[in-house]
Amino acid sequence: MKFELQDTFTKALPQDPILENSRRQVSGACFSLVAPKKTAQPELIHTSKEMASELGIPDEELKSTSFLEVFTGNKVGENSRPYAMCYGGHQFGNWAGQLGDGRAINLGEKVQNNKRWTLQLKGAGETPYSRTADGLAVLRSSIREYLCSEAMFHLGVPTTRALSIALTGDQVLRDVLYNGNPDYEKGAIVTRVAPSFLRFGNYEIFSSRQDYKTLTTLVDYTIKELFPEIENTNKEGYIQLFKTVAQRTLAMIIHWQRVGFVHGVMNTDNMSILGLTIDYGPYGWLEGYDDNWTPNTTDRQHKRYRYGNQPNIGLWNLYQLANALYPLIEEAEPFEEILEQYKKDYALKYLEMMKAKIGLYSNDENDAELLGTLEENLQLIETDMTLFFRNLNLISKNDSTEKALSKIEIAFYTIAEFKEDTLEKWKAWFNLYLKRLQQEHLNDAERVVKMNTTNPKYVLRNYMAQMAIDKADEKDYSLVDELYMLLKKPYDEQPEFEKWFVKRPEWARNKVGCSMLSCSS
């Protein structure tokens, strides 16, 4: 396979002088050169033709032996200098020191149609940053990452992408529930694609070590290669960089809240400098609407990364990035202004997004109160987020309160729990909502079209991913492909896939992989 790769990253930034692939602290370097681990019996499971097209890879090439070899680590492509990045991070609010690409190996950069893409193998073996781990990944988590990366892209959420997923033929030991019962699972590799995989932690590590020379070099590289609209690599440029990162981070999180996505582990080493959703570990989608829900078993007690707290954590993480960049500017005020603006912008953008979800496009002084009451009502009993907001499009301006309420009954998990006071609260809300709809200039049909671009009909619910995983474990990849096809058009009706427009089945409520997930992958 002729696949010309460039590499601005390794050419512009300082390299770890030690070539031995041993776990260690790496100083004064942004990356270490490493080689992917040879895999025993690689087998391609699925490829994203959309992503391949973006990279200029023809369909027939996806089936070639050379494609399989390169993207399972068995062959290093032409001009490729595989490397792992050095970075640190705050994990669950605490500084964790050096982390780095412990099982991700970057192959290089592909330029296509004036876009630069970094190609990365996840699960391709140990690196100097693997700490006590083996650098590998399992089929279970790899399918989740592969499907969700592409699903998020088609939802319009800023995200890293995925090109392919393959079995390695190796067995990998994992303790899924962290309960002392490890077992062997099938090894797998996902090829991830993004303009860059730089994270907040890449900057934090050098600032924490007071290595401001390397920090400056990395920040200048970031501006030159990833933010060309910023003209200066000086204090003014650094402030502009931080402002842009803050805006992109906020835009990403607003999208998460819109579609009901919960990242699950928003550590600073999992925050993209480009404002992309990165590192699909113990993520989840809201089934019942619940501000306090987190999909991460590690976060079960404190719920730091719960759905309703994601905007606050985005801000907290930006504070850590500001602290890392401060030594290059030595002025707190510009950072403080940007962080304050984040808070103001969030309040406005969240209100605008939520209004769009319920089909309101004009302004009324009571809109915030109407939405606040709605969010309270959604948590009175278990109410499916995706079904509720999608079915709001069925409501006509001229509906009665009772008729409107009947159109969203599909979203309630247990109608038996619908007590009289709950019913009265919903009736009161729909009464106000129907009156508010009268103020809208759009007719019902026009409003439906707009609402259906905001509220997806299909999302990658955990139980769906787990069903695909269970089948794939038996070498049946048909459900991986079916979900991949479904999630390419999440806003379309797709009547042939109507079976997926349902509440989470009861069997999945507490099943491993369907309710909460660990970081074990």
Protein backbone atom coordinates (compact mmCIF):
# COMPACT_ATOMS: atom_id res chain seq x y z
CA MET A 1 0.00 0.00 0.00
CA LYS A 2 1.49 3.32 -1.07
CA PHE A 3 0.74 5.58 1.84
CA GLU A 4 2.99 8.61 2.04
CA LEU A 5 3.25 9.91 5.60
CA GLN A 6 4.61 13.21 6.82
CA ASP A 7 5.63 14.08 10.34
CA THR A 8 5.70 17.65 11.52
CA PHE A 9 5.47 16.47 15.14
CA THR A 10 8.70 14.49 15.37
CA LYS A 11 10.63 16.94 13.20
CA ALA A 12 9.65 20.06 15.13
CA LEU A 13 9.68 18.80 18.71
CA PRO A 14 12.37 17.37 21.02
CA GLN A 15 12.75 13.58 20.99
CA ASP A 16 13.51 11.27 23.88
CA PRO A 17 17.18 10.34 23.25
CA ILE A 18 16.76 6.88 24.81
CA LEU A 19 15.60 4.40 22.18
CA GLU A 20 15.11 1.49 24.56
CA ASN A 21 11.40 0.73 25.03
CA SER A 22 11.45 0.55 28.82
CA ARG A 23 9.00 2.11 31.25
CA ARG A 24 10.57 5.24 32.67
CA GLN A 25 10.26 8.95 33.37
CA VAL A 26 11.00 10.87 30.17
CA SER A 27 12.40 14.38 30.59
CA GLY A 28 12.81 17.25 28.15
CA ALA A 29 11.09 15.41 25.31
CA CYS A 30 7.63 15.51 23.73
CA PHE A 31 7.77 11.93 22.45
CA SER A 32 9.62 8.64 22.37
CA LEU A 33 10.18 6.54 19.26
CA VAL A 34 8.62 3.08 19.60
CA ALA A 35 7.69 0.16 17.38
CA PRO A 36 4.23 -1.47 17.41
CA LYS A 37 4.10 -5.00 18.78
CA LYS A 38 3.88 -7.73 16.14
CA THR A 39 0.47 -9.39 16.26
CA ALA A 40 -0.05 -13.15 16.08
CA GLN A 41 -2.91 -13.52 13.61
CA PRO A 42 -4.46 -10.18 12.63
CA GLU A 43 -7.97 -10.12 11.19
CA LEU A 44 -9.80 -7.04 9.99
CA ILE A 45 -13.30 -6.69 11.47
CA HIS A 46 -14.57 -3.42 10.02
CA THR A 47 -13.43 -0.26 8.26
CA SER A 48 -14.96 3.21 7.96
CA LYS A 49 -15.22 3.94 4.25
CA GLU A 50 -16.03 7.58 5.04
CA MET A 51 -12.83 8.02 7.00
CA ALA A 52 -10.85 6.09 4.39
CA SER A 53 -12.20 8.44 1.71
CA GLU A 54 -11.10 11.45 3.79
CA LEU A 55 -7.61 9.94 3.83
CA GLY A 56 -7.62 9.16 0.12
CA ILE A 57 -7.63 5.38 0.62
CA PRO A 58 -9.59 3.57 -2.14
CA ASP A 59 -12.18 0.96 -1.10
CA GLU A 60 -10.21 -1.90 -2.67
CA GLU A 61 -7.14 -0.93 -0.64
CA LEU A 62 -9.06 -1.55 2.58
CA LYS A 63 -9.15 -5.26 1.75
CA SER A 64 -5.45 -5.54 0.97
CA THR A 65 -2.88 -7.46 2.97
CA SER A 66 -0.69 -4.37 3.23
CA PHE A 67 -3.53 -2.36 4.82
CA LEU A 68 -4.05 -5.11 7.38
CA GLU A 69 -0.33 -5.30 8.15
CA VAL A 70 0.16 -1.54 8.58
CA PHE A 71 -2.94 -1.00 10.69
CA THR A 72 -2.35 -3.92 13.02
CA GLY A 73 1.28 -3.00 13.69
CA ASN A 74 2.94 -5.80 11.72
CA LYS A 75 4.49 -3.50 9.17
CA VAL A 76 5.79 0.05 9.47
CA GLY A 77 4.72 2.10 6.48
CA GLU A 78 6.96 4.14 4.25
CA ASN A 79 8.28 7.33 5.92
CA SER A 80 6.64 6.31 9.21
CA ARG A 81 8.48 6.97 12.47
CA PRO A 82 6.12 5.51 15.10
CA TYR A 83 6.11 7.36 18.42
CA ALA A 84 4.33 7.72 21.74
CA MET A 85 3.69 11.15 23.27
CA CYS A 86 4.76 12.29 26.72
CA TYR A 87 2.10 14.01 28.81
CA GLY A 88 0.78 14.27 32.35
CA GLY A 89 -2.63 14.97 33.75
CA HIS A 90 -5.04 15.57 36.57
CA GLN A 91 -7.03 12.40 37.21
CA PHE A 92 -10.21 12.73 39.28
CA GLY A 93 -8.98 16.13 40.43
CA ASN A 94 -5.48 15.04 41.52
CA TRP A 95 -2.17 15.59 39.74
CA ALA A 96 -0.98 12.20 38.51
CA GLY A 97 2.44 13.18 37.13
CA GLN A 98 3.70 11.60 33.93
CA LEU A 99 1.13 9.54 32.03
CA GLY A 100 1.69 9.55 28.25
CA ASP A 101 0.64 7.27 25.41
CA GLY A 102 0.69 4.00 27.30
CA ARG A 103 -0.90 1.96 24.54
CA ALA A 104 -1.29 4.40 21.67
CA ILE A 105 1.34 4.56 18.96
CA ASN A 106 1.25 7.35 16.38
CA LEU A 107 2.27 6.33 12.88
CA GLY A 108 2.59 9.77 11.32
CA GLU A 109 0.52 12.30 9.41
CA LYS A 110 -1.41 11.96 6.15
CA VAL A 111 -2.20 15.11 4.20
CA GLN A 112 -5.25 14.90 1.96
CA ASN A 113 -7.27 17.76 0.44
CA ASN A 114 -5.23 20.28 2.45
CA LYS A 115 -6.14 18.56 5.72
CA ARG A 116 -3.56 16.91 7.95
CA TRP A 117 -4.57 13.76 9.82
CA THR A 118 -2.54 11.95 12.47
CA LEU A 119 -2.92 8.15 12.37
CA GLN A 120 -2.69 6.26 15.63
CA LEU A 121 -2.89 2.61 16.66
CA LYS A 122 -4.60 2.02 20.00
CA GLY A 123 -3.68 -1.29 21.63
CA ALA A 124 -0.46 -1.82 19.67
CA GLY A 125 1.83 -2.63 22.59
CA GLU A 126 3.82 -1.13 25.40
CA THR A 127 5.69 2.18 25.33
CA PRO A 128 7.89 4.00 27.87
CA TYR A 129 4.62 5.44 29.24
CA SER A 130 2.82 2.13 29.85
CA ARG A 131 3.67 2.11 33.58
CA THR A 132 2.46 -1.27 34.89
CA ALA A 133 0.18 -2.05 31.93
CA ASP A 134 0.74 -4.15 28.81
CA GLY A 135 -0.11 -1.52 26.18
CA LEU A 136 -2.79 -3.71 24.64
CA ALA A 137 -6.55 -3.36 24.15
CA VAL A 138 -9.40 -5.85 24.03
CA LEU A 139 -12.19 -6.41 21.52
CA ARG A 140 -14.85 -5.23 23.97
CA SER A 141 -13.54 -1.70 24.45
CA SER A 142 -12.26 -1.45 20.88
CA ILE A 143 -15.72 -2.02 19.39
CA ARG A 144 -17.12 0.63 21.73
CA GLU A 145 -14.48 3.14 20.66
CA TYR A 146 -14.75 2.35 16.96
CA LEU A 147 -18.53 2.64 16.81
CA CYS A 148 -18.80 5.67 19.08
CA SER A 149 -16.10 7.69 17.31
CA GLU A 150 -17.96 7.45 14.03
CA ALA A 151 -21.41 7.79 15.65
CA MET A 152 -20.36 11.05 17.32
CA PHE A 153 -19.02 12.40 14.02
CA HIS A 154 -22.35 11.80 12.30
CA LEU A 155 -24.18 13.38 15.25
CA GLY A 156 -22.20 16.55 14.56
CA VAL A 157 -20.20 16.31 17.80
CA PRO A 158 -16.50 17.30 17.54
CA THR A 159 -14.57 14.05 17.85
CA THR A 160 -11.57 11.98 16.95
CA ARG A 161 -12.41 9.46 14.23
CA ALA A 162 -11.80 5.76 13.63
CA LEU A 163 -10.53 4.14 10.43
CA SER A 164 -10.51 0.45 11.29
CA ILE A 165 -10.83 -2.21 13.96
CA ALA A 166 -8.99 -5.52 13.85
CA LEU A 167 -8.40 -8.57 15.99
CA THR A 168 -4.77 -9.24 16.85
CA GLY A 169 -5.08 -12.98 17.42
CA ASP A 170 -3.54 -12.48 20.88
CA GLN A 171 -5.19 -13.09 24.24
CA VAL A 172 -5.19 -10.21 26.73
CA LEU A 173 -5.69 -10.56 30.49
CA ARG A 174 -8.19 -8.10 31.98
CA ASP A 175 -10.12 -7.69 35.26
CA VAL A 176 -13.37 -6.20 33.90
CA LEU A 177 -14.95 -5.31 37.25
CA TYR A 178 -11.71 -4.78 39.21
CA ASN A 179 -12.90 -7.46 41.62
CA GLY A 180 -9.89 -9.76 41.53
CA ASN A 181 -11.25 -12.08 38.85
CA PRO A 182 -9.15 -11.43 35.74
CA ASP A 183 -9.78 -13.42 32.57
CA TYR A 184 -8.40 -13.59 29.05
CA GLU A 185 -10.13 -11.64 26.29
CA LYS A 186 -9.53 -11.21 22.58
CA GLY A 187 -6.96 -8.56 21.74
CA ALA A 188 -7.83 -5.83 19.24
CA ILE A 189 -6.45 -2.64 17.67
CA VAL A 190 -8.39 0.45 16.64
CA THR A 191 -6.86 2.88 14.16
CA ARG A 192 -7.75 6.33 15.44
CA VAL A 193 -7.55 9.47 13.30
CA ALA A 194 -7.49 13.16 14.26
CA PRO A 195 -5.75 16.35 13.16
CA SER A 196 -3.80 15.97 16.41
CA PHE A 197 -3.99 13.93 19.61
CA LEU A 198 -2.44 16.68 21.77
CA ARG A 199 -4.15 17.01 25.16
CA PHE A 200 -4.13 19.50 28.01
CA GLY A 201 -1.74 17.11 29.77
CA ASN A 202 0.93 17.58 27.07
CA TYR A 203 1.38 21.14 28.31
CA GLU A 204 0.85 20.42 31.98
CA ILE A 205 3.76 17.96 32.20
CA PHE A 206 6.39 20.49 31.13
CA SER A 207 4.96 23.29 33.26
CA SER A 208 4.89 21.00 36.31
CA ARG A 209 8.58 20.25 35.74
CA GLN A 210 9.35 23.93 35.15
CA ASP A 211 10.68 22.94 31.73
CA TYR A 212 9.52 26.16 30.12
CA LYS A 213 11.83 25.81 27.14
CA THR A 214 10.11 22.61 25.97
CA LEU A 215 6.72 24.05 26.90
CA THR A 216 7.37 27.10 24.70
CA THR A 217 8.52 24.93 21.82
CA LEU A 218 5.35 22.80 22.08
CA VAL A 219 3.01 25.80 22.34
CA ASP A 220 4.67 27.49 19.34
CA TYR A 221 4.32 24.25 17.35
CA THR A 222 0.65 24.02 18.36
CA ILE A 223 -0.10 27.52 17.10
CA LYS A 224 1.86 27.16 13.87
CA GLU A 225 0.52 23.74 12.87
CA LEU A 226 -2.96 23.54 14.43
CA PHE A 227 -4.15 27.13 14.86
CA PRO A 228 -2.82 28.96 11.78
CA GLU A 229 -5.41 31.72 12.28
CA ILE A 230 -3.33 32.86 15.28
CA GLU A 231 -0.59 34.99 13.76
CA ASN A 232 1.79 35.42 16.67
CA THR A 233 3.85 33.02 18.79
CA ASN A 234 4.22 35.44 21.69
CA LYS A 235 2.20 36.41 24.76
CA GLU A 236 -0.62 37.76 22.63
CA GLY A 237 -0.70 34.54 20.59
CA TYR A 238 -0.63 32.36 23.70
CA ILE A 239 -3.64 34.19 25.15
CA GLN A 240 -5.47 33.83 21.84
CA LEU A 241 -4.65 30.11 21.83
CA PHE A 242 -6.14 29.65 25.29
CA LYS A 243 -9.24 31.63 24.34
CA THR A 244 -9.79 29.47 21.25
CA VAL A 245 -9.29 26.25 23.22
CA ALA A 246 -11.81 27.44 25.84
CA GLN A 247 -14.39 28.23 23.14
CA ARG A 248 -13.91 24.88 21.41
CA THR A 249 -14.09 22.97 24.69
CA LEU A 250 -17.36 24.67 25.57
CA ALA A 251 -18.83 24.00 22.11
CA MET A 252 -17.95 20.30 22.45
CA ILE A 253 -19.54 19.97 25.89
CA ILE A 254 -22.73 21.75 24.78
CA HIS A 255 -22.99 19.08 22.07
CA TRP A 256 -22.49 16.34 24.69
CA GLN A 257 -25.34 17.74 26.76
CA ARG A 258 -27.53 18.06 23.65
CA VAL A 259 -27.31 14.39 22.70
CA GLY A 260 -27.09 12.97 26.24
CA PHE A 261 -23.47 11.78 26.03
CA VAL A 262 -21.50 11.27 29.24
CA HIS A 263 -17.74 10.96 28.77
CA GLY A 264 -17.14 9.25 32.08
CA VAL A 265 -13.50 10.17 32.63
CA MET A 266 -12.84 13.86 31.92
CA ASN A 267 -9.29 13.88 33.24
CA THR A 268 -7.06 16.58 31.78
CA ASP A 269 -5.11 13.94 29.86
CA ASN A 270 -8.41 13.13 28.11
CA MET A 271 -9.08 16.71 27.02
CA SER A 272 -8.14 17.51 23.41
CA ILE A 273 -6.41 20.81 22.70
CA LEU A 274 -8.61 20.95 19.58
CA GLY A 275 -11.87 20.56 21.49
CA LEU A 276 -12.50 17.05 20.18
CA THR A 277 -14.09 14.19 22.10
CA ILE A 278 -11.14 11.91 22.78
CA ASP A 279 -10.57 8.59 24.57
CA TYR A 280 -13.79 6.60 24.53
CA GLY A 281 -13.45 4.61 27.73
CA PRO A 282 -16.32 4.19 30.21
CA TYR A 283 -18.65 6.53 28.33
CA GLY A 284 -22.42 6.17 28.25
CA TRP A 285 -25.62 7.67 26.91
CA LEU A 286 -28.39 8.85 29.18
CA GLU A 287 -31.21 6.33 29.19
CA GLY A 288 -33.37 7.81 31.93
CA TYR A 289 -32.72 11.57 32.08
CA ASP A 290 -30.61 12.02 35.20
CA ASP A 291 -28.24 14.91 35.96
CA ASN A 292 -26.38 12.74 38.47
CA TRP A 293 -25.68 9.75 36.25
CA THR A 294 -22.13 8.63 35.52
CA PRO A 295 -21.25 5.51 33.51
CA ASN A 296 -17.90 5.04 35.28
CA THR A 297 -17.74 2.52 38.15
CA THR A 298 -14.61 4.28 39.47
CA ASP A 299 -16.67 7.47 39.76
CA ARG A 300 -19.69 5.83 41.40
CA GLN A 301 -19.12 7.32 44.85
CA HIS A 302 -18.27 10.96 44.13
CA LYS A 303 -19.85 11.28 40.66
CA ARG A 304 -17.31 13.90 39.65
CA TYR A 305 -17.89 13.21 35.97
CA ARG A 306 -21.69 12.93 36.09
CA TYR A 307 -23.77 14.26 33.19
CA GLY A 308 -24.83 17.48 34.89
CA ASN A 309 -21.29 18.32 36.00
CA GLN A 310 -19.56 18.05 32.62
CA PRO A 311 -19.67 21.81 31.91
CA ASN A 312 -18.12 22.54 35.33
CA ILE A 313 -15.40 19.95 34.80
CA GLY A 314 -14.64 21.48 31.40
CA LEU A 315 -14.07 24.78 33.22
CA TRP A 316 -11.97 23.14 35.95
CA ASN A 317 -9.79 21.49 33.34
CA LEU A 318 -9.33 24.81 31.54
CA TYR A 319 -8.12 26.29 34.84
CA GLN A 320 -5.41 23.59 34.90
CA LEU A 321 -4.42 24.42 31.32
CA ALA A 322 -4.31 28.12 32.27
CA ASN A 323 -2.00 27.28 35.17
CA ALA A 324 0.24 25.34 32.78
CA LEU A 325 0.46 28.22 30.29
CA TYR A 326 0.77 30.97 32.90
CA PRO A 327 4.60 30.88 33.11
CA LEU A 328 4.75 31.88 29.42
CA ILE A 329 2.61 34.97 30.03
CA GLU A 330 2.96 35.79 33.74
CA GLU A 331 -0.33 37.68 33.79
CA ALA A 332 -3.40 36.18 35.44
CA GLU A 333 -5.96 38.70 34.21
CA PRO A 334 -6.25 37.53 30.56
CA PHE A 335 -6.85 33.95 31.72
CA GLU A 336 -9.39 35.06 34.31
CA GLU A 337 -11.34 37.04 31.71
CA ILE A 338 -11.49 34.05 29.34
CA LEU A 339 -12.58 31.70 32.12
CA GLU A 340 -15.29 34.13 33.25
CA GLN A 341 -16.46 34.41 29.66
CA TYR A 342 -16.75 30.60 29.52
CA LYS A 343 -19.27 30.75 32.38
CA LYS A 344 -21.32 33.48 30.69
CA ASP A 345 -21.20 31.78 27.31
CA TYR A 346 -22.22 28.45 28.80
CA ALA A 347 -25.37 29.91 30.35
CA LEU A 348 -26.40 31.52 27.05
CA LYS A 349 -25.45 28.63 24.76
CA TYR A 350 -27.03 26.00 26.99
CA LEU A 351 -30.31 27.93 27.06
CA GLU A 352 -30.22 28.35 23.28
CA MET A 353 -29.48 24.63 22.78
CA MET A 354 -32.25 23.48 25.12
CA LYS A 355 -34.76 25.82 23.49
CA ALA A 356 -33.88 24.30 20.12
CA LYS A 357 -34.48 20.82 21.58
CA ILE A 358 -38.07 21.74 22.42
CA GLY A 359 -38.64 23.73 19.23
CA LEU A 360 -38.46 27.31 20.52
CA TYR A 361 -36.62 29.79 18.33
CA SER A 362 -38.02 33.17 19.42
CA ASN A 363 -37.35 34.75 22.82
CA ASP A 364 -39.52 34.94 25.89
CA GLU A 365 -38.45 36.08 29.35
CA ASN A 366 -39.92 32.91 30.89
CA ASP A 367 -38.02 30.42 28.68
CA ALA A 368 -35.34 29.64 31.27
CA GLU A 369 -38.02 28.90 33.89
CA LEU A 370 -39.95 26.71 31.42
CA LEU A 371 -36.81 24.67 30.73
CA GLY A 372 -35.88 24.46 34.40
CA THR A 373 -39.28 22.98 35.21
CA LEU A 374 -38.93 20.55 32.30
CA GLU A 375 -35.59 19.26 33.62
CA GLU A 376 -37.15 18.75 37.06
CA ASN A 377 -40.10 16.88 35.55
CA LEU A 378 -37.83 14.63 33.48
CA GLN A 379 -36.38 13.31 36.74
CA LEU A 380 -39.67 12.72 38.58
CA ILE A 381 -39.76 9.19 37.18
CA GLU A 382 -37.37 7.42 34.80
CA THR A 383 -37.85 9.17 31.46
CA ASP A 384 -35.84 8.24 28.37
CA MET A 385 -33.99 11.31 27.12
CA THR A 386 -33.68 10.37 23.45
CA LEU A 387 -37.28 9.20 23.08
CA PHE A 388 -38.73 12.16 24.97
CA PHE A 389 -37.05 14.91 22.96
CA ARG A 390 -37.45 13.17 19.62
CA ASN A 391 -41.18 12.59 20.20
CA LEU A 392 -41.77 16.24 21.08
CA ASN A 393 -41.78 16.75 17.32
CA LEU A 394 -45.14 14.93 17.19
CA ILE A 395 -46.85 17.65 19.19
CA SER A 396 -48.96 20.18 17.33
CA LYS A 397 -49.56 23.75 18.47
CA ASN A 398 -53.26 22.96 18.63
CA ASP A 399 -53.00 19.78 20.68
CA SER A 400 -54.75 19.53 24.02
CA THR A 401 -52.60 18.98 27.09
CA GLU A 402 -53.78 15.37 27.33
CA LYS A 403 -53.04 14.65 23.67
CA ALA A 404 -49.57 16.20 23.90
CA LEU A 405 -48.77 14.15 26.98
CA SER A 406 -49.91 10.94 25.29
CA LYS A 407 -47.42 11.52 22.49
CA ILE A 408 -44.44 11.28 24.79
CA GLU A 409 -45.68 8.39 26.98
CA ILE A 410 -43.32 6.10 25.07
CA ALA A 411 -40.45 7.77 26.96
CA PHE A 412 -41.60 6.74 30.44
CA TYR A 413 -40.03 3.53 31.72
CA THR A 414 -42.75 2.65 34.24
CA ILE A 415 -46.17 4.18 33.71
CA ALA A 416 -47.28 2.44 36.92
CA GLU A 417 -45.09 4.91 38.84
CA PHE A 418 -47.00 7.81 37.33
CA LYS A 419 -48.61 9.09 40.51
CA GLU A 420 -51.26 11.78 40.54
CA ASP A 421 -48.90 14.58 41.59
CA THR A 422 -46.44 13.58 38.84
CA LEU A 423 -49.21 13.62 36.26
CA GLU A 424 -50.36 17.05 37.42
CA LYS A 425 -46.84 18.47 37.15
CA TRP A 426 -46.54 17.15 33.59
CA LYS A 427 -49.96 18.52 32.65
CA ALA A 428 -49.04 21.91 34.06
CA TRP A 429 -45.81 21.93 32.07
CA PHE A 430 -47.44 20.91 28.80
CA ASN A 431 -50.10 23.56 29.32
CA LEU A 432 -47.37 26.23 29.49
CA TYR A 433 -45.42 24.66 26.63
CA LEU A 434 -48.40 24.59 24.26
CA LYS A 435 -49.11 28.25 25.02
CA ARG A 436 -45.45 29.08 24.39
CA LEU A 437 -45.56 27.27 21.02
CA GLN A 438 -48.28 29.68 19.92
CA GLN A 439 -45.66 32.46 19.93
CA GLU A 440 -43.52 30.67 17.35
CA HIS A 441 -43.75 31.85 13.74
CA LEU A 442 -42.87 28.45 12.28
CA ASN A 443 -45.74 26.14 11.48
CA ASP A 444 -45.74 22.59 12.87
CA ALA A 445 -44.11 21.04 9.80
CA GLU A 446 -41.31 23.62 9.69
CA ARG A 447 -40.67 23.20 13.40
CA VAL A 448 -40.41 19.40 13.06
CA VAL A 449 -37.69 19.74 10.43
CA LYS A 450 -35.63 22.01 12.67
CA MET A 451 -36.17 19.94 15.82
CA ASN A 452 -35.10 16.79 13.99
CA THR A 453 -31.69 18.31 13.28
CA THR A 454 -31.18 18.87 17.02
CA ASN A 455 -32.69 15.74 18.56
CA PRO A 456 -31.26 12.46 17.24
CA LYS A 457 -33.56 9.51 16.80
CA TYR A 458 -30.75 6.99 17.29
CA VAL A 459 -27.75 7.03 19.62
CA LEU A 460 -25.29 4.29 20.59
CA ARG A 461 -26.93 3.10 23.79
CA ASN A 462 -24.70 0.90 25.93
CA TYR A 463 -26.90 -2.16 25.54
CA MET A 464 -26.67 -1.85 21.74
CA ALA A 465 -22.88 -1.75 21.87
CA GLN A 466 -22.86 -4.71 24.26
CA MET A 467 -25.06 -6.77 21.92
CA ALA A 468 -22.60 -6.08 19.10
CA ILE A 469 -19.71 -7.06 21.39
CA ASP A 470 -21.37 -10.33 22.40
CA LYS A 471 -21.95 -11.30 18.77
CA ALA A 472 -18.43 -10.25 17.75
CA ASP A 473 -17.02 -12.42 20.49
CA GLU A 474 -18.56 -15.33 18.57
CA LYS A 475 -16.99 -14.05 15.31
CA ASP A 476 -20.28 -12.60 14.08
CA TYR A 477 -19.67 -8.98 13.08
CA SER A 478 -23.07 -8.38 11.46
CA LEU A 479 -24.33 -6.26 14.36
CA VAL A 480 -21.18 -4.11 14.34
CA ASP A 481 -21.96 -3.36 10.70
CA GLU A 482 -25.68 -2.82 11.32
CA LEU A 483 -25.06 -0.31 14.10
CA TYR A 484 -22.36 1.39 12.04
CA MET A 485 -24.87 1.86 9.18
CA LEU A 486 -27.67 2.96 11.53
CA LEU A 487 -25.52 5.58 13.25
CA LYS A 488 -24.39 7.19 10.00
CA LYS A 489 -27.84 8.82 9.80
CA PRO A 490 -28.86 9.37 13.43
CA TYR A 491 -31.34 12.16 12.65
CA ASP A 492 -33.20 10.28 9.90
CA GLU A 493 -36.30 8.18 10.54
CA GLN A 494 -34.79 5.01 8.98
CA PRO A 495 -37.96 2.85 9.31
CA GLU A 496 -35.91 -0.29 8.59
CA PHE A 497 -34.12 0.32 11.91
CA GLU A 498 -37.16 1.29 13.98
CA LYS A 499 -36.43 -1.58 16.40
CA TRP A 500 -33.59 0.56 17.83
CA PHE A 501 -35.91 3.46 18.67
CA VAL A 502 -36.91 1.98 22.01
CA LYS A 503 -36.14 2.31 25.69
CA ARG A 504 -33.33 0.26 27.19
CA PRO A 505 -34.68 -3.28 27.72
CA GLU A 506 -35.10 -4.37 31.33
CA TRP A 507 -32.52 -7.16 30.97
CA ALA A 508 -29.89 -4.48 30.34
CA ARG A 509 -30.62 -2.40 33.44
CA ASN A 510 -27.85 -3.92 35.57
CA LYS A 511 -25.94 -6.04 33.04
CA VAL A 512 -22.17 -5.51 32.88
CA GLY A 513 -21.39 -3.27 29.92
CA CYS A 514 -24.98 -2.01 29.66
CA SER A 515 -25.34 0.12 32.78
CA MET A 516 -21.96 1.10 34.19
CA LEU A 517 -18.48 0.36 32.92
CA SER A 518 -15.00 0.27 34.38
CA CYS A 519 -11.84 1.73 32.86
CA SER A 520 -10.64 -1.83 32.21
CA SER A 521 -10.05 -2.06 28.48
